[in-house]
Amino acid sequence: MSIAGLLFSFVPILLYQLGAPEALAWRCSSAALAVHWIVDTVRSRRAFASLPHDDRPQVARGMMAVLAPAWVAILSLLVGNAAGAVYAGESAPVLVALVWMVAMSAYQFAALLRVLQQRTAAG
């Protein structure tokens, strides 16, 4: 996710440098991020479901109560920006999505360290 965030941060710059108007560059960036989020979520859920039950990482219900609505809200901002409905091709939805991706990467890294610590302590 962190690498995807890094790569997607260059999309509006690249589009703008290729001559796209600023608003179009942000709208296209929002669309690309929205598509990526949807595809990545479907892929991740399938991979998670294919794991044996004991190997599935546990996420606290309270954390999911925060993550899921925030994901939907940010995705809605991206789609709205891409369509020109919520924002008129502005940077804010893209920047919020990129910050979210960095935050989720940090959360996933911390979760990985926690799992490794538990397995080391148990083994």
PDB file of N, CA and C in Angstrom:
ATOM      1  N   MET A   1       0.818  -1.191   0.000  1.00  0.00           N
ATOM      2  CA  MET A   1       0.000   0.000   0.000  1.00  0.00           C
ATOM      3  C   MET A   1       0.865   1.259   0.000  1.00  0.00           C
ATOM      4  N   SER A   2       1.979   1.202   0.702  1.00  0.00           N
ATOM      5  CA  SER A   2       2.835   2.393   0.734  1.00  0.00           C
ATOM      6  C   SER A   2       3.451   2.662  -0.638  1.00  0.00           C
ATOM      7  N   ILE A   3       3.812   1.604  -1.357  1.00  0.00           N
ATOM      8  CA  ILE A   3       4.376   1.792  -2.693  1.00  0.00           C
ATOM      9  C   ILE A   3       3.299   2.324  -3.644  1.00  0.00           C
ATOM     10  N   ALA A   4       2.094   1.806  -3.518  1.00  0.00           N
ATOM     11  CA  ALA A   4       0.995   2.319  -4.355  1.00  0.00           C
ATOM     12  C   ALA A   4       0.758   3.800  -4.061  1.00  0.00           C
ATOM     13  N   GLY A   5       0.781   4.171  -2.796  1.00  0.00           N
ATOM     14  CA  GLY A   5       0.615   5.581  -2.434  1.00  0.00           C
ATOM     15  C   GLY A   5       1.700   6.449  -3.042  1.00  0.00           C
ATOM     16  N   LEU A   6       2.926   5.953  -3.009  1.00  0.00           N
ATOM     17  CA  LEU A   6       4.031   6.696  -3.616  1.00  0.00           C
ATOM     18  C   LEU A   6       3.810   6.858  -5.116  1.00  0.00           C
ATOM     19  N   LEU A   7       3.465   5.774  -5.784  1.00  0.00           N
ATOM     20  CA  LEU A   7       3.260   5.837  -7.233  1.00  0.00           C
ATOM     21  C   LEU A   7       2.081   6.736  -7.607  1.00  0.00           C
ATOM     22  N   PHE A   8       0.982   6.618  -6.873  1.00  0.00           N
ATOM     23  CA  PHE A   8      -0.187   7.449  -7.179  1.00  0.00           C
ATOM     24  C   PHE A   8       0.048   8.925  -6.870  1.00  0.00           C
ATOM     25  N   SER A   9       1.017   9.228  -6.023  1.00  0.00           N
ATOM     26  CA  SER A   9       1.308  10.637  -5.744  1.00  0.00           C
ATOM     27  C   SER A   9       1.917  11.335  -6.963  1.00  0.00           C
ATOM     28  N   PHE A  10       2.471  10.555  -7.875  1.00  0.00           N
ATOM     29  CA  PHE A  10       3.061  11.141  -9.076  1.00  0.00           C
ATOM     30  C   PHE A  10       2.074  11.315 -10.223  1.00  0.00           C
ATOM     31  N   VAL A  11       0.925  10.683 -10.152  1.00  0.00           N
ATOM     32  CA  VAL A  11      -0.035  10.727 -11.261  1.00  0.00           C
ATOM     33  C   VAL A  11      -0.461  12.159 -11.600  1.00  0.00           C
ATOM     34  N   PRO A  12      -0.901  12.976 -10.631  1.00  0.00           N
ATOM     35  CA  PRO A  12      -1.323  14.325 -11.030  1.00  0.00           C
ATOM     36  C   PRO A  12      -0.175  15.166 -11.587  1.00  0.00           C
ATOM     37  N   ILE A  13       1.015  14.961 -11.055  1.00  0.00           N
ATOM     38  CA  ILE A  13       2.175  15.704 -11.552  1.00  0.00           C
ATOM     39  C   ILE A  13       2.465  15.309 -12.998  1.00  0.00           C
ATOM     40  N   LEU A  14       2.454  14.013 -13.251  1.00  0.00           N
ATOM     41  CA  LEU A  14       2.706  13.510 -14.605  1.00  0.00           C
ATOM     42  C   LEU A  14       1.661  14.030 -15.582  1.00  0.00           C
ATOM     43  N   LEU A  15       0.398  13.939 -15.203  1.00  0.00           N
ATOM     44  CA  LEU A  15      -0.668  14.410 -16.091  1.00  0.00           C
ATOM     45  C   LEU A  15      -0.542  15.906 -16.367  1.00  0.00           C
ATOM     46  N   TYR A  16      -0.251  16.661 -15.313  1.00  0.00           N
ATOM     47  CA  TYR A  16      -0.103  18.114 -15.472  1.00  0.00           C
ATOM     48  C   TYR A  16       1.084  18.432 -16.388  1.00  0.00           C
ATOM     49  N   GLN A  17       2.182  17.701 -16.206  1.00  0.00           N
ATOM     50  CA  GLN A  17       3.367  17.928 -17.042  1.00  0.00           C
ATOM     51  C   GLN A  17       3.118  17.530 -18.496  1.00  0.00           C
ATOM     52  N   LEU A  18       2.191  16.592 -18.710  1.00  0.00           N
ATOM     53  CA  LEU A  18       1.847  16.189 -20.070  1.00  0.00           C
ATOM     54  C   LEU A  18       0.853  17.140 -20.728  1.00  0.00           C
ATOM     55  N   GLY A  19       0.460  18.173 -19.999  1.00  0.00           N
ATOM     56  CA  GLY A  19      -0.393  19.198 -20.588  1.00  0.00           C
ATOM     57  C   GLY A  19      -1.843  19.165 -20.163  1.00  0.00           C
ATOM     58  N   ALA A  20      -2.222  18.257 -19.276  1.00  0.00           N
ATOM     59  CA  ALA A  20      -3.608  18.216 -18.807  1.00  0.00           C
ATOM     60  C   ALA A  20      -3.878  19.435 -17.920  1.00  0.00           C
ATOM     61  N   PRO A  21      -5.051  20.029 -18.042  1.00  0.00           N
ATOM     62  CA  PRO A  21      -5.401  21.105 -17.115  1.00  0.00           C
ATOM     63  C   PRO A  21      -5.377  20.578 -15.679  1.00  0.00           C
ATOM     64  N   GLU A  22      -5.092  21.464 -14.752  1.00  0.00           N
ATOM     65  CA  GLU A  22      -4.944  21.045 -13.352  1.00  0.00           C
ATOM     66  C   GLU A  22      -6.163  20.282 -12.844  1.00  0.00           C
ATOM     67  N   ALA A  23      -7.350  20.793 -13.085  1.00  0.00           N
ATOM     68  CA  ALA A  23      -8.566  20.132 -12.593  1.00  0.00           C
ATOM     69  C   ALA A  23      -8.712  18.733 -13.190  1.00  0.00           C
ATOM     70  N   LEU A  24      -8.379  18.584 -14.451  1.00  0.00           N
ATOM     71  CA  LEU A  24      -8.469  17.269 -15.091  1.00  0.00           C
ATOM     72  C   LEU A  24      -7.441  16.306 -14.490  1.00  0.00           C
ATOM     73  N   ALA A  25      -6.253  16.810 -14.204  1.00  0.00           N
ATOM     74  CA  ALA A  25      -5.220  15.967 -13.591  1.00  0.00           C
ATOM     75  C   ALA A  25      -5.692  15.437 -12.241  1.00  0.00           C
ATOM     76  N   TRP A  26      -6.339  16.290 -11.428  1.00  0.00           N
ATOM     77  CA  TRP A  26      -6.839  15.845 -10.120  1.00  0.00           C
ATOM     78  C   TRP A  26      -8.027  14.905 -10.273  1.00  0.00           C
ATOM     79  N   ARG A  27      -8.887  15.170 -11.247  1.00  0.00           N
ATOM     80  CA  ARG A  27     -10.038  14.283 -11.470  1.00  0.00           C
ATOM     81  C   ARG A  27      -9.574  12.903 -11.926  1.00  0.00           C
ATOM     82  N   CYS A  28      -8.622  12.854 -12.842  1.00  0.00           N
ATOM     83  CA  CYS A  28      -8.102  11.565 -13.315  1.00  0.00           C
ATOM     84  C   CYS A  28      -7.359  10.832 -12.201  1.00  0.00           C
ATOM     85  N   SER A  29      -6.637  11.571 -11.382  1.00  0.00           N
ATOM     86  CA  SER A  29      -5.945  10.962 -10.247  1.00  0.00           C
ATOM     87  C   SER A  29      -6.946  10.369  -9.263  1.00  0.00           C
ATOM     88  N   SER A  30      -8.033  11.086  -9.026  1.00  0.00           N
ATOM     89  CA  SER A  30      -9.081  10.570  -8.144  1.00  0.00           C
ATOM     90  C   SER A  30      -9.696   9.300  -8.710  1.00  0.00           C
ATOM     91  N   ALA A  31      -9.955   9.297 -10.015  1.00  0.00           N
ATOM     92  CA  ALA A  31     -10.536   8.112 -10.653  1.00  0.00           C
ATOM     93  C   ALA A  31      -9.588   6.925 -10.564  1.00  0.00           C
ATOM     94  N   ALA A  32      -8.315   7.165 -10.838  1.00  0.00           N
ATOM     95  CA  ALA A  32      -7.333   6.077 -10.776  1.00  0.00           C
ATOM     96  C   ALA A  32      -7.218   5.515  -9.367  1.00  0.00           C
ATOM     97  N   LEU A  33      -7.188   6.394  -8.372  1.00  0.00           N
ATOM     98  CA  LEU A  33      -7.123   5.935  -6.980  1.00  0.00           C
ATOM     99  C   LEU A  33      -8.378   5.164  -6.596  1.00  0.00           C
ATOM    100  N   ALA A  34      -9.539   5.638  -7.003  1.00  0.00           N
ATOM    101  CA  ALA A  34     -10.791   4.954  -6.672  1.00  0.00           C
ATOM    102  C   ALA A  34     -10.804   3.545  -7.263  1.00  0.00           C
ATOM    103  N   VAL A  35     -10.400   3.426  -8.520  1.00  0.00           N
ATOM    104  CA  VAL A  35     -10.351   2.100  -9.159  1.00  0.00           C
ATOM    105  C   VAL A  35      -9.357   1.207  -8.422  1.00  0.00           C
ATOM    106  N   HIS A  36      -8.192   1.753  -8.103  1.00  0.00           N
ATOM    107  CA  HIS A  36      -7.194   0.975  -7.368  1.00  0.00           C
ATOM    108  C   HIS A  36      -7.748   0.503  -6.020  1.00  0.00           C
ATOM    109  N   TRP A  37      -8.399   1.397  -5.288  1.00  0.00           N
ATOM    110  CA  TRP A  37      -8.937   1.035  -3.967  1.00  0.00           C
ATOM    111  C   TRP A  37      -9.949  -0.095  -4.079  1.00  0.00           C
ATOM    112  N   ILE A  38     -10.823  -0.011  -5.062  1.00  0.00           N
ATOM    113  CA  ILE A  38     -11.857  -1.037  -5.221  1.00  0.00           C
ATOM    114  C   ILE A  38     -11.220  -2.369  -5.602  1.00  0.00           C
ATOM    115  N   VAL A  39     -10.334  -2.362  -6.587  1.00  0.00           N
ATOM    116  CA  VAL A  39      -9.682  -3.601  -7.028  1.00  0.00           C
ATOM    117  C   VAL A  39      -8.842  -4.193  -5.902  1.00  0.00           C
ATOM    118  N   ASP A  40      -8.087  -3.353  -5.215  1.00  0.00           N
ATOM    119  CA  ASP A  40      -7.237  -3.839  -4.127  1.00  0.00           C
ATOM    120  C   ASP A  40      -8.068  -4.399  -2.979  1.00  0.00           C
ATOM    121  N   THR A  41      -9.193  -3.781  -2.688  1.00  0.00           N
ATOM    122  CA  THR A  41     -10.052  -4.279  -1.612  1.00  0.00           C
ATOM    123  C   THR A  41     -10.635  -5.638  -1.967  1.00  0.00           C
ATOM    124  N   VAL A  42     -11.102  -5.794  -3.188  1.00  0.00           N
ATOM    125  CA  VAL A  42     -11.640  -7.091  -3.625  1.00  0.00           C
ATOM    126  C   VAL A  42     -10.546  -8.151  -3.569  1.00  0.00           C
ATOM    127  N   ARG A  43      -9.366  -7.824  -4.071  1.00  0.00           N
ATOM    128  CA  ARG A  43      -8.241  -8.759  -4.067  1.00  0.00           C
ATOM    129  C   ARG A  43      -7.847  -9.140  -2.640  1.00  0.00           C
ATOM    130  N   SER A  44      -7.773  -8.157  -1.762  1.00  0.00           N
ATOM    131  CA  SER A  44      -7.388  -8.410  -0.373  1.00  0.00           C
ATOM    132  C   SER A  44      -8.415  -9.263   0.358  1.00  0.00           C
ATOM    133  N   ARG A  45      -9.682  -8.983   0.136  1.00  0.00           N
ATOM    134  CA  ARG A  45     -10.738  -9.778   0.797  1.00  0.00           C
ATOM    135  C   ARG A  45     -10.711 -11.224   0.332  1.00  0.00           C
ATOM    136  N   ARG A  46     -10.461 -11.435  -0.957  1.00  0.00           N
ATOM    137  CA  ARG A  46     -10.355 -12.808  -1.474  1.00  0.00           C
ATOM    138  C   ARG A  46      -9.152 -13.527  -0.869  1.00  0.00           C
ATOM    139  N   ALA A  47      -8.029 -12.837  -0.797  1.00  0.00           N
ATOM    140  CA  ALA A  47      -6.825 -13.437  -0.216  1.00  0.00           C
ATOM    141  C   ALA A  47      -7.052 -13.759   1.261  1.00  0.00           C
ATOM    142  N   PHE A  48      -7.698 -12.857   1.979  1.00  0.00           N
ATOM    143  CA  PHE A  48      -7.992 -13.063   3.392  1.00  0.00           C
ATOM    144  C   PHE A  48      -8.902 -14.277   3.574  1.00  0.00           C
ATOM    145  N   ALA A  49      -9.926 -14.367   2.736  1.00  0.00           N
ATOM    146  CA  ALA A  49     -10.879 -15.473   2.840  1.00  0.00           C
ATOM    147  C   ALA A  49     -10.232 -16.818   2.519  1.00  0.00           C
ATOM    148  N   SER A  50      -9.176 -16.816   1.714  1.00  0.00           N
ATOM    149  CA  SER A  50      -8.523 -18.072   1.344  1.00  0.00           C
ATOM    150  C   SER A  50      -7.570 -18.584   2.420  1.00  0.00           C
ATOM    151  N   LEU A  51      -7.252 -17.761   3.408  1.00  0.00           N
ATOM    152  CA  LEU A  51      -6.361 -18.189   4.483  1.00  0.00           C
ATOM    153  C   LEU A  51      -7.076 -19.149   5.421  1.00  0.00           C
ATOM    154  N   PRO A  52      -6.348 -20.132   5.958  1.00  0.00           N
ATOM    155  CA  PRO A  52      -6.946 -20.944   7.019  1.00  0.00           C
ATOM    156  C   PRO A  52      -7.341 -20.032   8.183  1.00  0.00           C
ATOM    157  N   HIS A  53      -8.409 -20.378   8.858  1.00  0.00           N
ATOM    158  CA  HIS A  53      -8.959 -19.508   9.909  1.00  0.00           C
ATOM    159  C   HIS A  53      -7.905 -19.126  10.951  1.00  0.00           C
ATOM    160  N   ASP A  54      -7.040 -20.061  11.328  1.00  0.00           N
ATOM    161  CA  ASP A  54      -6.026 -19.769  12.355  1.00  0.00           C
ATOM    162  C   ASP A  54      -4.958 -18.793  11.879  1.00  0.00           C
ATOM    163  N   ASP A  55      -4.774 -18.675  10.567  1.00  0.00           N
ATOM    164  CA  ASP A  55      -3.758 -17.776  10.019  1.00  0.00           C
ATOM    165  C   ASP A  55      -4.287 -16.377   9.714  1.00  0.00           C
ATOM    166  N   ARG A  56      -5.576 -16.173   9.889  1.00  0.00           N
ATOM    167  CA  ARG A  56      -6.152 -14.857   9.592  1.00  0.00           C
ATOM    168  C   ARG A  56      -5.819 -13.878  10.707  1.00  0.00           C
ATOM    169  N   PRO A  57      -5.267 -12.727  10.345  1.00  0.00           N
ATOM    170  CA  PRO A  57      -5.006 -11.728  11.384  1.00  0.00           C
ATOM    171  C   PRO A  57      -6.321 -11.216  11.966  1.00  0.00           C
ATOM    172  N   GLN A  58      -6.320 -11.011  13.259  1.00  0.00           N
ATOM    173  CA  GLN A  58      -7.514 -10.520  13.932  1.00  0.00           C
ATOM    174  C   GLN A  58      -7.475  -8.994  14.020  1.00  0.00           C
ATOM    175  N   VAL A  59      -8.550  -8.380  13.610  1.00  0.00           N
ATOM    176  CA  VAL A  59      -8.676  -6.926  13.706  1.00  0.00           C
ATOM    177  C   VAL A  59      -9.779  -6.649  14.719  1.00  0.00           C
ATOM    178  N   ALA A  60      -9.465  -5.790  15.665  1.00  0.00           N
ATOM    179  CA  ALA A  60     -10.447  -5.469  16.701  1.00  0.00           C
ATOM    180  C   ALA A  60     -11.712  -4.877  16.079  1.00  0.00           C
ATOM    181  N   ARG A  61     -12.857  -5.262  16.614  1.00  0.00           N
ATOM    182  CA  ARG A  61     -14.129  -4.749  16.084  1.00  0.00           C
ATOM    183  C   ARG A  61     -14.189  -3.226  16.142  1.00  0.00           C
ATOM    184  N   GLY A  62     -13.652  -2.642  17.180  1.00  0.00           N
ATOM    185  CA  GLY A  62     -13.641  -1.185  17.300  1.00  0.00           C
ATOM    186  C   GLY A  62     -12.844  -0.530  16.187  1.00  0.00           C
ATOM    187  N   MET A  63     -11.751  -1.181  15.815  1.00  0.00           N
ATOM    188  CA  MET A  63     -10.926  -0.644  14.730  1.00  0.00           C
ATOM    189  C   MET A  63     -11.674  -0.733  13.403  1.00  0.00           C
ATOM    190  N   MET A  64     -12.373  -1.829  13.175  1.00  0.00           N
ATOM    191  CA  MET A  64     -13.150  -1.973  11.940  1.00  0.00           C
ATOM    192  C   MET A  64     -14.305  -0.973  11.895  1.00  0.00           C
ATOM    193  N   ALA A  65     -14.841  -0.634  13.067  1.00  0.00           N
ATOM    194  CA  ALA A  65     -15.925   0.349  13.120  1.00  0.00           C
ATOM    195  C   ALA A  65     -15.430   1.728  12.686  1.00  0.00           C
ATOM    196  N   VAL A  66     -14.141   1.955  12.767  1.00  0.00           N
ATOM    197  CA  VAL A  66     -13.543   3.214  12.310  1.00  0.00           C
ATOM    198  C   VAL A  66     -13.063   3.096  10.866  1.00  0.00           C
ATOM    199  N   LEU A  67     -12.392   1.987  10.561  1.00  0.00           N
ATOM    200  CA  LEU A  67     -11.764   1.837   9.244  1.00  0.00           C
ATOM    201  C   LEU A  67     -12.771   1.770   8.099  1.00  0.00           C
ATOM    202  N   ALA A  68     -13.798   0.965   8.256  1.00  0.00           N
ATOM    203  CA  ALA A  68     -14.753   0.767   7.156  1.00  0.00           C
ATOM    204  C   ALA A  68     -15.477   2.064   6.770  1.00  0.00           C
ATOM    205  N   PRO A  69     -16.060   2.790   7.715  1.00  0.00           N
ATOM    206  CA  PRO A  69     -16.724   4.047   7.315  1.00  0.00           C
ATOM    207  C   PRO A  69     -15.753   5.085   6.752  1.00  0.00           C
ATOM    208  N   ALA A  70     -14.540   5.127   7.294  1.00  0.00           N
ATOM    209  CA  ALA A  70     -13.552   6.077   6.772  1.00  0.00           C
ATOM    210  C   ALA A  70     -13.183   5.714   5.340  1.00  0.00           C
ATOM    211  N   TRP A  71     -13.017   4.420   5.063  1.00  0.00           N
ATOM    212  CA  TRP A  71     -12.700   3.959   3.709  1.00  0.00           C
ATOM    213  C   TRP A  71     -13.813   4.360   2.743  1.00  0.00           C
ATOM    214  N   VAL A  72     -15.057   4.137   3.158  1.00  0.00           N
ATOM    215  CA  VAL A  72     -16.204   4.490   2.308  1.00  0.00           C
ATOM    216  C   VAL A  72     -16.256   6.003   2.078  1.00  0.00           C
ATOM    217  N   ALA A  73     -16.010   6.772   3.122  1.00  0.00           N
ATOM    218  CA  ALA A  73     -16.056   8.235   2.997  1.00  0.00           C
ATOM    219  C   ALA A  73     -14.980   8.741   2.038  1.00  0.00           C
ATOM    220  N   ILE A  74     -13.772   8.222   2.168  1.00  0.00           N
ATOM    221  CA  ILE A  74     -12.689   8.671   1.293  1.00  0.00           C
ATOM    222  C   ILE A  74     -12.931   8.215  -0.137  1.00  0.00           C
ATOM    223  N   LEU A  75     -13.410   6.989  -0.305  1.00  0.00           N
ATOM    224  CA  LEU A  75     -13.741   6.511  -1.645  1.00  0.00           C
ATOM    225  C   LEU A  75     -14.827   7.384  -2.269  1.00  0.00           C
ATOM    226  N   SER A  76     -15.797   7.773  -1.468  1.00  0.00           N
ATOM    227  CA  SER A  76     -16.862   8.652  -1.968  1.00  0.00           C
ATOM    228  C   SER A  76     -16.303  10.006  -2.411  1.00  0.00           C
ATOM    229  N   LEU A  77     -15.354  10.533  -1.647  1.00  0.00           N
ATOM    230  CA  LEU A  77     -14.708  11.790  -2.042  1.00  0.00           C
ATOM    231  C   LEU A  77     -13.972  11.634  -3.366  1.00  0.00           C
ATOM    232  N   LEU A  78     -13.264  10.514  -3.520  1.00  0.00           N
ATOM    233  CA  LEU A  78     -12.525  10.273  -4.761  1.00  0.00           C
ATOM    234  C   LEU A  78     -13.475  10.175  -5.950  1.00  0.00           C
ATOM    235  N   VAL A  79     -14.538   9.395  -5.798  1.00  0.00           N
ATOM    236  CA  VAL A  79     -15.499   9.231  -6.890  1.00  0.00           C
ATOM    237  C   VAL A  79     -16.183  10.565  -7.194  1.00  0.00           C
ATOM    238  N   GLY A  80     -16.560  11.292  -6.137  1.00  0.00           N
ATOM    239  CA  GLY A  80     -17.187  12.598  -6.329  1.00  0.00           C
ATOM    240  C   GLY A  80     -16.264  13.586  -7.030  1.00  0.00           C
ATOM    241  N   ASN A  81     -14.984  13.544  -6.687  1.00  0.00           N
ATOM    242  CA  ASN A  81     -14.014  14.429  -7.329  1.00  0.00           C
ATOM    243  C   ASN A  81     -13.810  14.027  -8.783  1.00  0.00           C
ATOM    244  N   ALA A  82     -13.717  12.732  -9.031  1.00  0.00           N
ATOM    245  CA  ALA A  82     -13.530  12.255 -10.407  1.00  0.00           C
ATOM    246  C   ALA A  82     -14.710  12.648 -11.286  1.00  0.00           C
ATOM    247  N   ALA A  83     -15.912  12.614 -10.712  1.00  0.00           N
ATOM    248  CA  ALA A  83     -17.121  12.959 -11.468  1.00  0.00           C
ATOM    249  C   ALA A  83     -17.376  14.463 -11.489  1.00  0.00           C
ATOM    250  N   GLY A  84     -16.637  15.208 -10.673  1.00  0.00           N
ATOM    251  CA  GLY A  84     -16.860  16.645 -10.595  1.00  0.00           C
ATOM    252  C   GLY A  84     -18.072  17.008  -9.775  1.00  0.00           C
ATOM    253  N   ALA A  85     -18.567  16.065  -8.963  1.00  0.00           N
ATOM    254  CA  ALA A  85     -19.786  16.289  -8.190  1.00  0.00           C
ATOM    255  C   ALA A  85     -19.510  16.896  -6.815  1.00  0.00           C
ATOM    256  N   VAL A  86     -18.516  16.376  -6.112  1.00  0.00           N
ATOM    257  CA  VAL A  86     -18.226  16.853  -4.754  1.00  0.00           C
ATOM    258  C   VAL A  86     -17.264  18.029  -4.817  1.00  0.00           C
ATOM    259  N   TYR A  87     -16.205  17.849  -5.532  1.00  0.00           N
ATOM    260  CA  TYR A  87     -15.221  18.893  -5.768  1.00  0.00           C
ATOM    261  C   TYR A  87     -15.120  19.059  -7.280  1.00  0.00           C
ATOM    262  N   ALA A  88     -14.630  20.176  -7.703  1.00  0.00           N
ATOM    263  CA  ALA A  88     -14.494  20.417  -9.144  1.00  0.00           C
ATOM    264  C   ALA A  88     -13.056  20.145  -9.578  1.00  0.00           C
ATOM    265  N   GLY A  89     -12.592  18.924  -9.349  1.00  0.00           N
ATOM    266  CA  GLY A  89     -11.231  18.571  -9.742  1.00  0.00           C
ATOM    267  C   GLY A  89     -10.189  19.235  -8.868  1.00  0.00           C
ATOM    268  N   GLU A  90     -10.304  19.025  -7.570  1.00  0.00           N
ATOM    269  CA  GLU A  90      -9.373  19.633  -6.628  1.00  0.00           C
ATOM    270  C   GLU A  90      -8.444  18.585  -6.029  1.00  0.00           C
ATOM    271  N   SER A  91      -7.428  19.053  -5.358  1.00  0.00           N
ATOM    272  CA  SER A  91      -6.406  18.169  -4.813  1.00  0.00           C
ATOM    273  C   SER A  91      -6.808  17.481  -3.512  1.00  0.00           C
ATOM    274  N   ALA A  92      -7.711  18.063  -2.733  1.00  0.00           N
ATOM    275  CA  ALA A  92      -8.006  17.571  -1.383  1.00  0.00           C
ATOM    276  C   ALA A  92      -8.364  16.088  -1.319  1.00  0.00           C
ATOM    277  N   PRO A  93      -9.284  15.574  -2.133  1.00  0.00           N
ATOM    278  CA  PRO A  93      -9.600  14.143  -2.027  1.00  0.00           C
ATOM    279  C   PRO A  93      -8.403  13.238  -2.300  1.00  0.00           C
ATOM    280  N   VAL A  94      -7.588  13.602  -3.260  1.00  0.00           N
ATOM    281  CA  VAL A  94      -6.407  12.795  -3.575  1.00  0.00           C
ATOM    282  C   VAL A  94      -5.429  12.828  -2.406  1.00  0.00           C
ATOM    283  N   LEU A  95      -5.200  14.004  -1.855  1.00  0.00           N
ATOM    284  CA  LEU A  95      -4.271  14.128  -0.738  1.00  0.00           C
ATOM    285  C   LEU A  95      -4.763  13.378   0.495  1.00  0.00           C
ATOM    286  N   VAL A  96      -6.059  13.445   0.766  1.00  0.00           N
ATOM    287  CA  VAL A  96      -6.629  12.700   1.900  1.00  0.00           C
ATOM    288  C   VAL A  96      -6.439  11.201   1.671  1.00  0.00           C
ATOM    289  N   ALA A  97      -6.695  10.729   0.462  1.00  0.00           N
ATOM    290  CA  ALA A  97      -6.530   9.309   0.155  1.00  0.00           C
ATOM    291  C   ALA A  97      -5.072   8.874   0.306  1.00  0.00           C
ATOM    292  N   LEU A  98      -4.147   9.710  -0.144  1.00  0.00           N
ATOM    293  CA  LEU A  98      -2.731   9.363  -0.026  1.00  0.00           C
ATOM    294  C   LEU A  98      -2.282   9.319   1.427  1.00  0.00           C
ATOM    295  N   VAL A  99      -2.745  10.258   2.238  1.00  0.00           N
ATOM    296  CA  VAL A  99      -2.418  10.243   3.671  1.00  0.00           C
ATOM    297  C   VAL A  99      -3.007   8.993   4.322  1.00  0.00           C
ATOM    298  N   TRP A 100      -4.231   8.639   3.931  1.00  0.00           N
ATOM    299  CA  TRP A 100      -4.867   7.421   4.453  1.00  0.00           C
ATOM    300  C   TRP A 100      -4.023   6.186   4.104  1.00  0.00           C
ATOM    301  N   MET A 101      -3.527   6.135   2.874  1.00  0.00           N
ATOM    302  CA  MET A 101      -2.731   4.990   2.459  1.00  0.00           C
ATOM    303  C   MET A 101      -1.444   4.880   3.276  1.00  0.00           C
ATOM    304  N   VAL A 102      -0.816   5.999   3.581  1.00  0.00           N
ATOM    305  CA  VAL A 102       0.389   5.980   4.418  1.00  0.00           C
ATOM    306  C   VAL A 102       0.029   5.530   5.831  1.00  0.00           C
ATOM    307  N   ALA A 103      -1.068   6.036   6.361  1.00  0.00           N
ATOM    308  CA  ALA A 103      -1.497   5.645   7.709  1.00  0.00           C
ATOM    309  C   ALA A 103      -1.821   4.148   7.770  1.00  0.00           C
ATOM    310  N   MET A 104      -2.496   3.631   6.756  1.00  0.00           N
ATOM    311  CA  MET A 104      -2.827   2.208   6.729  1.00  0.00           C
ATOM    312  C   MET A 104      -1.576   1.348   6.574  1.00  0.00           C
ATOM    313  N   SER A 105      -0.607   1.851   5.841  1.00  0.00           N
ATOM    314  CA  SER A 105       0.661   1.132   5.710  1.00  0.00           C
ATOM    315  C   SER A 105       1.354   1.030   7.063  1.00  0.00           C
ATOM    316  N   ALA A 106       1.352   2.111   7.800  1.00  0.00           N
ATOM    317  CA  ALA A 106       1.948   2.099   9.139  1.00  0.00           C
ATOM    318  C   ALA A 106       1.189   1.145  10.062  1.00  0.00           C
ATOM    319  N   TYR A 107      -0.134   1.151   9.973  1.00  0.00           N
ATOM    320  CA  TYR A 107      -0.952   0.245  10.782  1.00  0.00           C
ATOM    321  C   TYR A 107      -0.653  -1.213  10.424  1.00  0.00           C
ATOM    322  N   GLN A 108      -0.558  -1.515   9.125  1.00  0.00           N
ATOM    323  CA  GLN A 108      -0.267  -2.876   8.695  1.00  0.00           C
ATOM    324  C   GLN A 108       1.128  -3.316   9.142  1.00  0.00           C
ATOM    325  N   PHE A 109       2.084  -2.413   9.099  1.00  0.00           N
ATOM    326  CA  PHE A 109       3.434  -2.740   9.544  1.00  0.00           C
ATOM    327  C   PHE A 109       3.444  -3.028  11.040  1.00  0.00           C
ATOM    328  N   ALA A 110       2.751  -2.210  11.808  1.00  0.00           N
ATOM    329  CA  ALA A 110       2.669  -2.447  13.259  1.00  0.00           C
ATOM    330  C   ALA A 110       1.973  -3.776  13.549  1.00  0.00           C
ATOM    331  N   ALA A 111       0.935  -4.093  12.790  1.00  0.00           N
ATOM    332  CA  ALA A 111       0.235  -5.374  12.980  1.00  0.00           C
ATOM    333  C   ALA A 111       1.158  -6.535  12.646  1.00  0.00           C
ATOM    334  N   LEU A 112       1.953  -6.398  11.591  1.00  0.00           N
ATOM    335  CA  LEU A 112       2.905  -7.444  11.228  1.00  0.00           C
ATOM    336  C   LEU A 112       3.925  -7.651  12.335  1.00  0.00           C
ATOM    337  N   LEU A 113       4.442  -6.574  12.882  1.00  0.00           N
ATOM    338  CA  LEU A 113       5.401  -6.693  13.990  1.00  0.00           C
ATOM    339  C   LEU A 113       4.768  -7.376  15.188  1.00  0.00           C
ATOM    340  N   ARG A 114       3.508  -7.069  15.471  1.00  0.00           N
ATOM    341  CA  ARG A 114       2.803  -7.691  16.594  1.00  0.00           C
ATOM    342  C   ARG A 114       2.658  -9.197  16.376  1.00  0.00           C
ATOM    343  N   VAL A 115       2.301  -9.598  15.155  1.00  0.00           N
ATOM    344  CA  VAL A 115       2.163 -11.023  14.836  1.00  0.00           C
ATOM    345  C   VAL A 115       3.515 -11.722  14.968  1.00  0.00           C
ATOM    346  N   LEU A 116       4.558 -11.111  14.435  1.00  0.00           N
ATOM    347  CA  LEU A 116       5.889 -11.714  14.536  1.00  0.00           C
ATOM    348  C   LEU A 116       6.341 -11.837  15.981  1.00  0.00           C
ATOM    349  N   GLN A 117       6.041 -10.839  16.796  1.00  0.00           N
ATOM    350  CA  GLN A 117       6.398 -10.889  18.213  1.00  0.00           C
ATOM    351  C   GLN A 117       5.644 -12.024  18.910  1.00  0.00           C
ATOM    352  N   GLN A 118       4.362 -12.166  18.615  1.00  0.00           N
ATOM    353  CA  GLN A 118       3.564 -13.231  19.219  1.00  0.00           C
ATOM    354  C   GLN A 118       4.084 -14.596  18.813  1.00  0.00           C
ATOM    355  N   ARG A 119       4.423 -14.768  17.548  1.00  0.00           N
ATOM    356  CA  ARG A 119       4.929 -16.067  17.079  1.00  0.00           C
ATOM    357  C   ARG A 119       6.299 -16.371  17.668  1.00  0.00           C
ATOM    358  N   THR A 120       7.125 -15.357  17.821  1.00  0.00           N
ATOM    359  CA  THR A 120       8.445 -15.559  18.429  1.00  0.00           C
ATOM    360  C   THR A 120       8.294 -15.936  19.894  1.00  0.00           C
ATOM    361  N   ALA A 121       7.383 -15.276  20.600  1.00  0.00           N
ATOM    362  CA  ALA A 121       7.170 -15.575  22.014  1.00  0.00           C
ATOM    363  C   ALA A 121       6.576 -16.978  22.204  1.00  0.00           C
ATOM    364  N   ALA A 122       5.728 -17.392  21.256  1.00  0.00           N
ATOM    365  CA  ALA A 122       5.078 -18.701  21.362  1.00  0.00           C
ATOM    366  C   ALA A 122       6.009 -19.829  20.925  1.00  0.00           C
ATOM    367  N   GLY A 123       6.983 -19.521  20.084  1.00  0.00           N
ATOM    368  CA  GLY A 123       7.806 -20.571  19.497  1.00  0.00           C
ATOM    369  C   GLY A 123       9.130 -20.660  20.116  1.00  0.00           C
TER     370      GLY A 123
END
